[in-house]
Amino acid sequence: MVNSGDTAFVLVSAALVFIMTPGLGFFYGGLGRRKNVVNNMMACVFILGTGMMMWVLFGYSLAFTGNSLGIIGSLQDVGLRTLGMNDPSPYADNITGLSFVAFQMMFALITPAIITGAVSGRMKFGALFLFIVFWSIIVYYPLAHMVWGQGGILGGDGLGSIDFAGGNVVHISSGVSGLVLCLVLGRREGYEHFSYRIHNVPFVVLGMSLLWFGWYGFNAGSALAANGLAAHAFMTTSAATAGGLLSWMLIDVLRGRKPSCISACTGVVAGLVAITPGAGFIPIWASVIVGLSAGPVCYYGIQLVKRTMKIDDALDAFGCHGIGGIWGGIMTGVFANPAINDVATDGLVYGGFRQFGAQIVAILASVAVAAVGSLICIGLVKAFTSLRAPKRDELVGLDVTQHGENAYPSFNGLD
């Protein structure tokens, strides 16, 4: 039976998740170079309109209605034509179907926005636009169905893996796809000669704050009810995020550096990402371990990607989201406790091996879907336009060359 309180809670959570996408725009805008701040923000802004339109027209239907081989839904609910205002959701009969649609729509916005950070400063806007459209259809909607949809091959009706709020669907998919794009595009012009330039620390702090704020809707809202599980997810999110922040700062200190605000903000994101798949499945004490470990795992993962592998993951999309999502999925298999959420089975620390194995298989499957799907999307985009901005445009900056705008009118374009 539809409960007005639960429905209100899910709608508020949806609004919280919505603010994460413009928040990510500020986060990426501050982290990038001054000549690309508009481009970094616009990469998130255009997804608000494009992603919403696609979700209403066919995205929700493909992800959450019907079932074909456990891989994709159907087109039976194109334009949300079968959903009445007061009909209960087939995924939670305590809330209306449209409130579930709205909540999941926000996930479909933030996920492709994460990818854009990996290719900052060198990808043509038109090519990025097309890639996100194709990627949503080829990667996101199928993966959402496989993990969360009824009859999905990786979720409770299939393999039995668990993903409370998007470790596989959101973070692994976007992080791996960002890495694939980095490999195909190559490094930015002059990458060997310039250091990592963060042009606006206040923007980064603002973006981090909006992300953390919205993440409570992301994780607690995934309980789909104003209940104890939602409160539990709220607290595991808090504990893990604090752990990521503190451990990242500690690494700076142990390496003889001053604890920077950028490090603290990056640690926050690492903690948030790592707890996402297990927020509603693991004990609060375990979330502390997940957060504290996410800091060094993501920190050294970023070092590996940037220095050892020489990959230009411009704003650490893979380093934080891909690696953090994988780590979080593994830790969910270690600490899962059915006493918290009976959707799970015992994790490794409780003597269970089935859940851990399911998590590993689901992670590998998510990586494969994202990697292969991204390569297909790249091929489709190349049929229409080249991926990379011309060298001159890249050197001048994508704000002016791609959008005809300048974030700072007095800026001379040399930074």
Protein backbone atom coordinates (compact mmCIF):
# COMPACT_ATOMS: atom_id res chain seq x y z
CA MET A 1 0.00 0.00 0.00
CA VAL A 2 1.34 3.43 -0.97
CA ASN A 3 2.59 5.37 2.04
CA SER A 4 2.63 9.16 1.72
CA GLY A 5 5.53 9.52 4.15
CA ASP A 6 7.73 7.05 2.26
CA THR A 7 6.78 8.64 -1.05
CA ALA A 8 7.72 12.08 0.28
CA PHE A 9 11.03 10.72 1.58
CA VAL A 10 11.91 9.23 -1.81
CA LEU A 11 11.00 12.44 -3.64
CA VAL A 12 13.16 14.51 -1.28
CA SER A 13 15.97 11.99 -1.78
CA ALA A 14 15.55 12.36 -5.55
CA ALA A 15 15.97 16.13 -5.21
CA LEU A 16 19.12 15.56 -3.14
CA VAL A 17 20.56 13.27 -5.79
CA PHE A 18 19.71 15.86 -8.46
CA ILE A 19 21.94 18.47 -6.81
CA MET A 20 24.89 16.10 -7.11
CA THR A 21 25.18 16.65 -10.87
CA PRO A 22 25.60 20.46 -10.76
CA GLY A 23 27.70 19.87 -7.63
CA LEU A 24 29.97 17.65 -9.68
CA GLY A 25 30.17 20.49 -12.20
CA PHE A 26 31.60 22.77 -9.53
CA PHE A 27 33.93 20.02 -8.32
CA TYR A 28 35.28 19.35 -11.81
CA GLY A 29 35.26 23.04 -12.71
CA GLY A 30 37.47 23.89 -9.75
CA LEU A 31 39.83 20.96 -10.28
CA GLY A 32 40.46 21.72 -13.94
CA ARG A 33 42.39 24.51 -15.59
CA ARG A 34 40.99 28.01 -15.79
CA LYS A 35 40.62 27.95 -19.56
CA ASN A 36 38.35 24.88 -19.34
CA VAL A 37 36.11 25.65 -16.37
CA VAL A 38 33.02 26.45 -18.47
CA ASN A 39 33.55 23.31 -20.53
CA ASN A 40 33.91 21.16 -17.40
CA MET A 41 30.70 22.58 -15.97
CA MET A 42 28.79 22.45 -19.25
CA ALA A 43 29.68 18.77 -19.55
CA CYS A 44 27.55 18.22 -16.45
CA VAL A 45 24.86 20.79 -17.27
CA PHE A 46 23.88 19.41 -20.68
CA ILE A 47 23.34 15.98 -19.13
CA LEU A 48 20.59 17.42 -16.92
CA GLY A 49 18.42 18.07 -19.96
CA THR A 50 19.57 15.24 -22.21
CA GLY A 51 19.48 12.58 -19.50
CA MET A 52 16.06 13.59 -18.22
CA MET A 53 14.52 13.62 -21.68
CA MET A 54 15.93 10.20 -22.54
CA TRP A 55 14.83 8.74 -19.19
CA VAL A 56 11.24 9.92 -19.61
CA LEU A 57 10.96 8.84 -23.24
CA PHE A 58 12.56 5.38 -23.05
CA GLY A 59 15.34 5.10 -20.43
CA TYR A 60 13.17 4.06 -17.50
CA SER A 61 11.33 1.56 -19.67
CA LEU A 62 14.56 -0.07 -20.87
CA ALA A 63 16.01 -0.25 -17.37
CA PHE A 64 13.03 -1.20 -15.21
CA THR A 65 10.10 -2.59 -17.21
CA GLY A 66 9.95 -6.03 -18.79
CA ASN A 67 12.91 -8.35 -19.13
CA SER A 68 14.88 -9.76 -22.06
CA LEU A 69 17.40 -12.47 -21.14
CA GLY A 70 18.14 -10.66 -17.89
CA ILE A 71 20.08 -8.03 -19.80
CA ILE A 72 17.65 -5.27 -20.79
CA GLY A 73 14.04 -4.29 -20.20
CA SER A 74 11.48 -3.44 -22.84
CA LEU A 75 9.80 -0.48 -24.52
CA GLN A 76 6.38 -1.22 -23.04
CA ASP A 77 6.45 1.96 -20.93
CA VAL A 78 7.73 4.47 -23.50
CA GLY A 79 6.93 7.98 -22.36
CA LEU A 80 5.84 6.58 -18.97
CA ARG A 81 2.46 6.03 -20.61
CA THR A 82 1.30 3.21 -18.32
CA LEU A 83 2.15 4.85 -14.99
CA GLY A 84 -0.77 6.43 -13.16
CA MET A 85 -0.19 9.12 -10.56
CA ASN A 86 -1.16 6.92 -7.64
CA ASP A 87 -0.06 3.52 -8.91
CA PRO A 88 2.42 1.77 -6.60
CA SER A 89 5.89 0.99 -7.90
CA PRO A 90 6.56 -2.65 -8.80
CA TYR A 91 9.88 -2.21 -6.99
CA ALA A 92 8.42 -0.92 -3.72
CA ASP A 93 4.65 -0.97 -3.23
CA ASN A 94 4.91 1.58 -0.39
CA ILE A 95 5.78 4.38 -2.84
CA THR A 96 4.23 5.57 -6.09
CA GLY A 97 5.67 4.38 -9.35
CA LEU A 98 6.45 7.92 -10.49
CA SER A 99 8.44 8.65 -7.33
CA PHE A 100 10.63 5.61 -8.10
CA VAL A 101 10.99 6.84 -11.68
CA ALA A 102 12.08 10.26 -10.42
CA PHE A 103 14.57 8.80 -7.94
CA GLN A 104 16.21 6.53 -10.49
CA MET A 105 16.24 9.33 -13.08
CA MET A 106 18.74 11.23 -10.96
CA PHE A 107 21.09 8.24 -10.98
CA ALA A 108 20.90 8.24 -14.77
CA LEU A 109 22.10 11.88 -14.71
CA ILE A 110 25.02 11.73 -12.28
CA THR A 111 26.51 8.53 -13.73
CA PRO A 112 27.49 9.76 -17.22
CA ALA A 113 28.50 13.10 -15.72
CA ILE A 114 31.27 11.32 -13.81
CA ILE A 115 32.82 10.16 -17.09
CA THR A 116 33.35 13.71 -18.28
CA GLY A 117 36.07 14.36 -15.69
CA ALA A 118 38.36 11.80 -17.29
CA VAL A 119 38.48 13.59 -20.65
CA SER A 120 38.60 17.17 -19.42
CA GLY A 121 40.40 19.63 -21.66
CA ARG A 122 40.64 17.62 -24.87
CA MET A 123 37.37 16.12 -26.11
CA LYS A 124 35.11 17.98 -28.54
CA PHE A 125 31.81 18.93 -26.95
CA GLY A 126 29.79 17.54 -29.85
CA ALA A 127 31.60 14.22 -29.60
CA LEU A 128 31.04 14.12 -25.84
CA PHE A 129 27.35 14.84 -26.32
CA LEU A 130 26.95 11.94 -28.74
CA PHE A 131 29.04 9.61 -26.57
CA ILE A 132 26.86 10.25 -23.51
CA VAL A 133 23.68 9.60 -25.51
CA PHE A 134 25.01 6.32 -26.93
CA TRP A 135 26.58 5.31 -23.60
CA SER A 136 23.35 5.76 -21.68
CA ILE A 137 21.57 3.41 -24.10
CA ILE A 138 24.33 0.83 -24.57
CA VAL A 139 25.88 0.73 -21.08
CA TYR A 140 23.82 2.41 -18.36
CA TYR A 141 20.28 1.21 -19.05
CA PRO A 142 21.31 -2.44 -19.57
CA LEU A 143 23.59 -2.46 -16.52
CA ALA A 144 20.90 -0.88 -14.35
CA HIS A 145 18.52 -3.62 -15.46
CA MET A 146 21.07 -6.38 -14.93
CA VAL A 147 21.80 -5.28 -11.35
CA TRP A 148 18.53 -3.69 -10.14
CA GLY A 149 15.82 -4.65 -12.60
CA GLN A 150 13.34 -7.47 -12.08
CA GLY A 151 14.80 -10.55 -13.74
CA GLY A 152 18.25 -8.93 -14.02
CA ILE A 153 21.05 -11.41 -14.58
CA LEU A 154 23.38 -9.98 -11.93
CA GLY A 155 20.89 -9.09 -9.18
CA GLY A 156 18.68 -10.99 -6.79
CA ASP A 157 16.84 -12.84 -9.57
CA GLY A 158 20.09 -14.04 -11.09
CA LEU A 159 23.62 -14.15 -9.74
CA GLY A 160 22.62 -12.74 -6.37
CA SER A 161 25.09 -9.84 -6.21
CA ILE A 162 24.11 -6.81 -4.14
CA ASP A 163 24.60 -3.15 -4.95
CA PHE A 164 22.69 -0.90 -2.58
CA ALA A 165 23.09 2.43 -4.34
CA GLY A 166 25.31 2.05 -7.39
CA GLY A 167 28.81 0.66 -6.89
CA ASN A 168 28.54 -1.33 -10.11
CA VAL A 169 25.84 0.61 -11.92
CA VAL A 170 27.17 4.10 -11.22
CA HIS A 171 30.81 4.15 -10.19
CA ILE A 172 32.45 1.15 -11.84
CA SER A 173 30.62 1.76 -15.10
CA SER A 174 31.52 5.45 -15.28
CA GLY A 175 35.07 5.02 -14.00
CA VAL A 176 35.96 2.23 -16.43
CA SER A 177 34.33 4.07 -19.32
CA GLY A 178 36.34 7.17 -18.45
CA LEU A 179 39.51 5.08 -18.50
CA VAL A 180 38.66 3.66 -21.93
CA LEU A 181 38.10 7.16 -23.29
CA CYS A 182 41.44 8.29 -21.82
CA LEU A 183 43.25 5.46 -23.58
CA VAL A 184 41.59 6.21 -26.91
CA LEU A 185 41.99 10.01 -26.73
CA GLY A 186 45.54 10.07 -25.43
CA ARG A 187 47.04 12.66 -23.11
CA ARG A 188 46.48 16.40 -23.19
CA GLU A 189 48.84 18.63 -25.17
CA GLY A 190 51.89 19.41 -23.06
CA TYR A 191 50.92 16.82 -20.45
CA GLU A 192 54.56 15.92 -19.84
CA HIS A 193 55.47 19.50 -18.98
CA PHE A 194 52.71 20.84 -16.75
CA SER A 195 51.82 19.96 -13.22
CA TYR A 196 48.30 19.25 -11.99
CA ARG A 197 46.78 22.74 -11.95
CA ILE A 198 43.79 23.33 -9.68
CA HIS A 199 42.49 26.75 -10.50
CA ASN A 200 39.75 27.29 -7.89
CA VAL A 201 39.85 25.59 -4.49
CA PRO A 202 36.58 27.21 -3.26
CA PHE A 203 34.77 25.68 -6.26
CA VAL A 204 36.15 22.28 -5.28
CA VAL A 205 34.96 22.70 -1.69
CA LEU A 206 31.52 23.83 -2.85
CA GLY A 207 31.28 20.91 -5.24
CA MET A 208 32.39 18.43 -2.58
CA SER A 209 29.84 19.83 -0.14
CA LEU A 210 26.99 19.49 -2.65
CA LEU A 211 28.11 15.96 -3.51
CA TRP A 212 28.27 14.90 0.14
CA PHE A 213 24.91 16.54 0.85
CA GLY A 214 23.29 14.86 -2.15
CA TRP A 215 24.90 11.52 -1.38
CA TYR A 216 22.70 11.14 1.69
CA GLY A 217 19.75 11.02 -0.69
CA PHE A 218 21.74 8.71 -2.95
CA ASN A 219 22.41 6.13 -0.22
CA ALA A 220 19.72 6.62 2.43
CA GLY A 221 17.09 7.14 -0.26
CA SER A 222 17.94 3.75 -1.76
CA ALA A 223 16.09 2.15 1.17
CA LEU A 224 12.96 3.45 -0.65
CA ALA A 225 11.30 4.09 2.72
CA ALA A 226 11.70 6.39 5.70
CA ASN A 227 12.76 3.56 7.98
CA GLY A 228 15.61 2.12 10.01
CA LEU A 229 17.47 0.91 6.93
CA ALA A 230 17.54 4.46 5.57
CA ALA A 231 18.95 5.72 8.88
CA HIS A 232 21.50 2.91 8.86
CA ALA A 233 22.62 3.84 5.33
CA PHE A 234 22.84 7.48 6.42
CA MET A 235 25.22 6.55 9.23
CA THR A 236 27.39 4.13 7.25
CA THR A 237 27.72 6.87 4.64
CA SER A 238 28.79 9.37 7.29
CA ALA A 239 31.33 7.05 8.92
CA ALA A 240 32.93 5.90 5.67
CA THR A 241 33.16 9.42 4.29
CA ALA A 242 34.84 10.67 7.44
CA GLY A 243 37.27 7.77 7.17
CA GLY A 244 38.14 8.58 3.56
CA LEU A 245 38.72 12.25 4.41
CA LEU A 246 40.98 11.51 7.38
CA SER A 247 43.01 8.73 5.76
CA TRP A 248 43.73 10.85 2.68
CA MET A 249 44.92 13.71 4.87
CA LEU A 250 47.10 11.29 6.86
CA ILE A 251 48.77 10.06 3.68
CA ASP A 252 49.77 13.63 2.87
CA VAL A 253 51.27 14.08 6.32
CA LEU A 254 53.12 10.74 6.25
CA ARG A 255 54.58 11.65 2.87
CA GLY A 256 55.97 14.85 4.33
CA ARG A 257 53.44 17.14 2.72
CA LYS A 258 51.09 19.70 4.17
CA PRO A 259 47.50 18.44 4.54
CA SER A 260 45.70 20.20 1.71
CA CYS A 261 42.05 21.07 1.30
CA ILE A 262 42.04 19.39 -2.12
CA SER A 263 43.29 16.18 -0.51
CA ALA A 264 40.54 16.31 2.09
CA CYS A 265 37.88 16.86 -0.60
CA THR A 266 39.23 14.02 -2.72
CA GLY A 267 39.23 11.74 0.32
CA VAL A 268 35.58 12.60 0.88
CA VAL A 269 34.70 11.43 -2.63
CA ALA A 270 36.75 8.23 -2.18
CA GLY A 271 34.88 7.41 1.02
CA LEU A 272 31.49 8.18 -0.52
CA VAL A 273 32.16 6.01 -3.55
CA ALA A 274 33.48 3.05 -1.56
CA ILE A 275 30.49 2.88 0.82
CA THR A 276 27.84 3.21 -1.89
CA PRO A 277 27.41 -0.50 -2.75
CA GLY A 278 27.35 -1.63 0.88
CA ALA A 279 25.65 1.27 2.67
CA GLY A 280 22.53 -0.77 3.40
CA PHE A 281 24.21 -4.14 3.83
CA ILE A 282 27.21 -3.80 6.17
CA PRO A 283 27.51 -2.84 9.88
CA ILE A 284 28.42 0.69 10.87
CA TRP A 285 31.72 -0.48 12.38
CA ALA A 286 32.62 -2.05 9.03
CA SER A 287 31.87 1.20 7.22
CA VAL A 288 34.68 2.81 9.22
CA ILE A 289 37.08 0.22 7.82
CA VAL A 290 35.74 0.71 4.31
CA GLY A 291 36.24 4.48 4.49
CA LEU A 292 39.69 4.38 6.10
CA SER A 293 40.92 1.86 3.54
CA ALA A 294 39.35 3.67 0.58
CA GLY A 295 41.73 6.61 1.08
CA PRO A 296 44.99 4.70 0.46
CA VAL A 297 43.44 2.36 -2.12
CA CYS A 298 42.25 5.27 -4.28
CA TYR A 299 45.28 7.45 -3.54
CA TYR A 300 47.79 4.87 -4.73
CA GLY A 301 45.45 3.81 -7.51
CA ILE A 302 45.57 7.34 -8.86
CA GLN A 303 49.36 7.35 -8.59
CA LEU A 304 49.50 4.11 -10.56
CA VAL A 305 47.24 5.44 -13.30
CA LYS A 306 48.92 8.83 -13.62
CA ARG A 307 52.60 8.09 -13.08
CA THR A 308 53.25 4.43 -13.72
CA MET A 309 50.75 3.80 -16.52
CA LYS A 310 51.09 7.35 -17.92
CA ILE A 311 47.33 7.63 -18.45
CA ASP A 312 45.86 11.13 -18.42
CA ASP A 313 42.77 10.66 -16.25
CA ALA A 314 42.39 14.42 -16.04
CA LEU A 315 40.18 14.76 -12.95
CA ASP A 316 40.63 11.25 -11.49
CA ALA A 317 37.30 9.82 -12.62
CA PHE A 318 38.70 6.29 -12.83
CA GLY A 319 41.03 6.78 -9.87
CA CYS A 320 38.22 7.70 -7.48
CA HIS A 321 35.09 6.19 -8.98
CA GLY A 322 36.36 3.13 -10.83
CA ILE A 323 38.86 1.98 -8.22
CA GLY A 324 36.69 3.14 -5.31
CA GLY A 325 33.63 1.37 -6.72
CA ILE A 326 35.55 -1.88 -7.20
CA TRP A 327 36.96 -1.69 -3.67
CA GLY A 328 33.52 -0.94 -2.22
CA GLY A 329 31.98 -3.89 -4.05
CA ILE A 330 34.65 -6.23 -2.71
CA MET A 331 34.25 -4.92 0.84
CA THR A 332 30.48 -5.42 0.57
CA GLY A 333 31.15 -9.09 -0.07
CA VAL A 334 33.44 -9.17 2.96
CA PHE A 335 31.14 -7.46 5.48
CA ALA A 336 27.58 -8.15 4.20
CA ASN A 337 25.22 -9.04 7.05
CA PRO A 338 21.70 -10.40 6.38
CA ALA A 339 20.63 -9.24 9.84
CA ILE A 340 20.85 -5.68 8.47
CA ASN A 341 19.26 -6.43 5.11
CA ASP A 342 17.97 -9.90 4.28
CA VAL A 343 18.60 -9.32 0.59
CA ALA A 344 22.23 -10.16 1.38
CA THR A 345 23.80 -13.40 2.56
CA ASP A 346 26.70 -13.72 5.00
CA GLY A 347 29.92 -12.02 3.95
CA LEU A 348 33.41 -13.43 4.39
CA VAL A 349 33.81 -12.21 7.97
CA TYR A 350 30.69 -14.18 8.91
CA GLY A 351 31.91 -17.35 7.23
CA GLY A 352 29.98 -16.97 3.98
CA PHE A 353 31.61 -17.26 0.55
CA ARG A 354 28.66 -17.14 -1.83
CA GLN A 355 28.05 -13.40 -1.48
CA PHE A 356 31.73 -12.58 -1.87
CA GLY A 357 31.95 -14.68 -5.02
CA ALA A 358 28.83 -13.06 -6.45
CA GLN A 359 30.33 -9.64 -5.83
CA ILE A 360 33.55 -10.49 -7.65
CA VAL A 361 31.69 -11.90 -10.66
CA ALA A 362 29.37 -8.85 -10.80
CA ILE A 363 32.34 -6.47 -10.63
CA LEU A 364 34.08 -8.27 -13.50
CA ALA A 365 30.87 -8.29 -15.51
CA SER A 366 30.34 -4.55 -14.89
CA VAL A 367 33.90 -3.79 -15.99
CA ALA A 368 33.39 -5.82 -19.16
CA VAL A 369 30.04 -4.21 -20.00
CA ALA A 370 31.46 -0.72 -19.46
CA ALA A 371 34.66 -1.35 -21.42
CA VAL A 372 33.11 -3.10 -24.41
CA GLY A 373 30.11 -0.78 -24.45
CA SER A 374 32.35 2.28 -24.39
CA LEU A 375 34.37 1.02 -27.34
CA ILE A 376 31.15 0.52 -29.28
CA CYS A 377 30.03 4.06 -28.37
CA ILE A 378 33.38 5.48 -29.49
CA GLY A 379 32.99 3.72 -32.83
CA LEU A 380 29.51 5.16 -33.27
CA VAL A 381 30.66 8.69 -32.41
CA LYS A 382 33.52 8.45 -34.92
CA ALA A 383 30.95 7.79 -37.63
CA PHE A 384 29.71 11.35 -37.08
CA THR A 385 32.70 13.36 -35.87
CA SER A 386 36.22 13.15 -34.52
CA LEU A 387 36.62 12.69 -30.77
CA ARG A 388 39.40 15.10 -29.97
CA ALA A 389 39.43 18.87 -30.19
CA PRO A 390 41.99 20.36 -32.60
CA LYS A 391 45.39 21.10 -31.08
CA ARG A 392 44.88 24.86 -31.31
CA ASP A 393 41.50 24.66 -29.56
CA GLU A 394 43.01 22.57 -26.80
CA LEU A 395 45.87 25.01 -26.24
CA VAL A 396 43.61 28.07 -26.27
CA GLY A 397 41.07 26.36 -24.04
CA LEU A 398 37.73 24.69 -24.65
CA ASP A 399 35.72 27.45 -22.98
CA VAL A 400 36.28 29.86 -25.84
CA THR A 401 36.71 27.40 -28.70
CA GLN A 402 33.80 25.06 -27.85
CA HIS A 403 31.35 27.41 -26.15
CA GLY A 404 32.34 30.98 -27.02
CA GLU A 405 32.40 31.85 -23.31
CA ASN A 406 34.95 32.84 -20.72
CA ALA A 407 34.36 32.20 -17.02
CA TYR A 408 36.59 35.12 -16.11
CA PRO A 409 36.37 38.15 -18.48
CA SER A 410 39.78 39.46 -17.39
CA PHE A 411 41.48 36.12 -18.03
CA ASN A 412 44.16 36.37 -20.72
CA GLY A 413 43.99 32.71 -21.77
CA LEU A 414 47.59 31.84 -20.88
CA ASP A 415 46.90 29.49 -17.96
